[in-house]
Structure formats: structure tokens, C-alpha cells
Amino acid sequence: MAHTAGRTASRTRERLSAVADIGTRPGGRRHPLVAAAMVLPLAVVLAIVFGAVQAVVTQASSVAGMLGY
């Protein structure tokens, strides 16, 4: 029974490593779209939490007003 815990931990590490390697190029760099897909959900949550959405809407509305839209 003691030997199975080590194998399970090893498999878990392998799976996590495989998930982390999604979208990586042979040189070890991620494709830009994969990187953006990883970052955008967190960026949206942070923007909502800290009220940046209201600031962007205000700025966009000001620019649209200056352009006459």
C-alpha cells in the first residue's frame, strides 16, 4: 500500500505537467493566443473587482462624444 502513494503522486505531477505544456512550442515558448486565453479571464475578474470597467466605459463615452458619435 505504501508504494501506491508514490506512484499516484508521480502520475499527478505528470498530468499537471501535461496540462501546463498545452500550447507550448518546441522551444518552450507558448503560442501568443494560448497565453492570452490564459490571462484574459483573470484580467476580466480583476477589472470587475477593482471597477476598471466603469472607467473604460467613461473614457469610451468621452471619446465617442468628441468624435461626434
C-alpha atoms as a PDB file:
ATOM      1  CA  MET A   1       0.000   0.000   0.000  1.00  0.00           C
ATOM      2  CA  ALA A   2       2.869   2.385   0.715  1.00  0.00           C
ATOM      3  CA  HIS A   3       4.178   2.053  -2.837  1.00  0.00           C
ATOM      4  CA  THR A   4       0.944   3.215  -4.467  1.00  0.00           C
ATOM      5  CA  ALA A   5       1.080   6.681  -2.885  1.00  0.00           C
ATOM      6  CA  GLY A   6       4.358   7.433  -4.633  1.00  0.00           C
ATOM      7  CA  ARG A   7       3.048   6.310  -7.988  1.00  0.00           C
ATOM      8  CA  THR A   8      -0.148   8.328  -7.583  1.00  0.00           C
ATOM      9  CA  ALA A   9       1.826  11.473  -6.752  1.00  0.00           C
ATOM     10  CA  SER A  10       4.073  10.847  -9.736  1.00  0.00           C
ATOM     11  CA  ARG A  11       1.081  10.449 -12.069  1.00  0.00           C
ATOM     12  CA  THR A  12      -0.476  13.620 -10.698  1.00  0.00           C
ATOM     13  CA  ARG A  13       2.729  15.542 -11.400  1.00  0.00           C
ATOM     14  CA  GLU A  14       2.840  14.122 -14.924  1.00  0.00           C
ATOM     15  CA  ARG A  15      -0.768  15.163 -15.583  1.00  0.00           C
ATOM     16  CA  LEU A  16      -0.179  18.667 -14.240  1.00  0.00           C
ATOM     17  CA  SER A  17       2.932  18.938 -16.364  1.00  0.00           C
ATOM     18  CA  ALA A  18       0.992  17.810 -19.435  1.00  0.00           C
ATOM     19  CA  VAL A  19      -1.711  20.421 -18.790  1.00  0.00           C
ATOM     20  CA  ALA A  20       0.917  23.126 -18.293  1.00  0.00           C
ATOM     21  CA  ASP A  21       2.533  22.184 -21.618  1.00  0.00           C
ATOM     22  CA  ILE A  22      -0.623  22.874 -23.642  1.00  0.00           C
ATOM     23  CA  GLY A  23       0.159  25.358 -26.363  1.00  0.00           C
ATOM     24  CA  THR A  24       3.912  25.322 -25.888  1.00  0.00           C
ATOM     25  CA  ARG A  25       6.213  25.406 -28.849  1.00  0.00           C
ATOM     26  CA  PRO A  26       9.253  23.167 -29.208  1.00  0.00           C
ATOM     27  CA  GLY A  27      11.482  25.955 -27.886  1.00  0.00           C
ATOM     28  CA  GLY A  28       9.464  26.028 -24.670  1.00  0.00           C
ATOM     29  CA  ARG A  29       7.503  29.192 -25.507  1.00  0.00           C
ATOM     30  CA  ARG A  30       3.698  29.388 -25.555  1.00  0.00           C
ATOM     31  CA  HIS A  31       1.717  30.465 -28.573  1.00  0.00           C
ATOM     32  CA  PRO A  32       0.525  34.058 -28.034  1.00  0.00           C
ATOM     33  CA  LEU A  33      -3.149  33.096 -28.374  1.00  0.00           C
ATOM     34  CA  VAL A  34      -2.787  30.415 -25.710  1.00  0.00           C
ATOM     35  CA  ALA A  35      -1.105  32.900 -23.389  1.00  0.00           C
ATOM     36  CA  ALA A  36      -3.880  35.424 -23.990  1.00  0.00           C
ATOM     37  CA  ALA A  37      -6.551  32.798 -23.330  1.00  0.00           C
ATOM     38  CA  MET A  38      -4.874  32.015 -20.019  1.00  0.00           C
ATOM     39  CA  VAL A  39      -4.598  35.641 -18.909  1.00  0.00           C
ATOM     40  CA  LEU A  40      -7.870  37.180 -20.102  1.00  0.00           C
ATOM     41  CA  PRO A  41     -10.237  35.530 -17.587  1.00  0.00           C
ATOM     42  CA  LEU A  42      -8.159  36.786 -14.666  1.00  0.00           C
ATOM     43  CA  ALA A  43      -7.887  40.234 -16.243  1.00  0.00           C
ATOM     44  CA  VAL A  44     -11.669  40.441 -16.612  1.00  0.00           C
ATOM     45  CA  VAL A  45     -12.231  39.403 -12.992  1.00  0.00           C
ATOM     46  CA  LEU A  46      -9.712  41.952 -11.734  1.00  0.00           C
ATOM     47  CA  ALA A  47     -11.257  44.683 -13.885  1.00  0.00           C
ATOM     48  CA  ILE A  48     -14.697  43.952 -12.454  1.00  0.00           C
ATOM     49  CA  VAL A  49     -13.461  43.722  -8.860  1.00  0.00           C
ATOM     50  CA  PHE A  50     -11.491  46.965  -8.975  1.00  0.00           C
ATOM     51  CA  GLY A  51     -14.013  48.958 -11.003  1.00  0.00           C
ATOM     52  CA  ALA A  52     -11.941  49.390 -14.129  1.00  0.00           C
ATOM     53  CA  VAL A  53     -14.959  48.555 -16.280  1.00  0.00           C
ATOM     54  CA  GLN A  54     -16.668  51.799 -15.266  1.00  0.00           C
ATOM     55  CA  ALA A  55     -13.511  53.780 -16.048  1.00  0.00           C
ATOM     56  CA  VAL A  56     -13.245  52.212 -19.524  1.00  0.00           C
ATOM     57  CA  VAL A  57     -16.923  52.911 -20.239  1.00  0.00           C
ATOM     58  CA  THR A  58     -16.496  56.530 -19.137  1.00  0.00           C
ATOM     59  CA  GLN A  59     -13.419  57.008 -21.323  1.00  0.00           C
ATOM     60  CA  ALA A  60     -15.044  55.337 -24.341  1.00  0.00           C
ATOM     61  CA  SER A  61     -18.101  57.514 -23.939  1.00  0.00           C
ATOM     62  CA  SER A  62     -15.921  60.641 -23.783  1.00  0.00           C
ATOM     63  CA  VAL A  63     -14.015  59.647 -26.927  1.00  0.00           C
ATOM     64  CA  ALA A  64     -17.274  58.865 -28.731  1.00  0.00           C
ATOM     65  CA  GLY A  65     -18.607  62.284 -27.709  1.00  0.00           C
ATOM     66  CA  MET A  66     -15.511  64.030 -29.080  1.00  0.00           C
ATOM     67  CA  LEU A  67     -15.791  62.125 -32.342  1.00  0.00           C
ATOM     68  CA  GLY A  68     -19.439  63.070 -32.636  1.00  0.00           C
ATOM     69  CA  TYR A  69     -20.996  59.635 -32.269  1.00  0.00           C
END
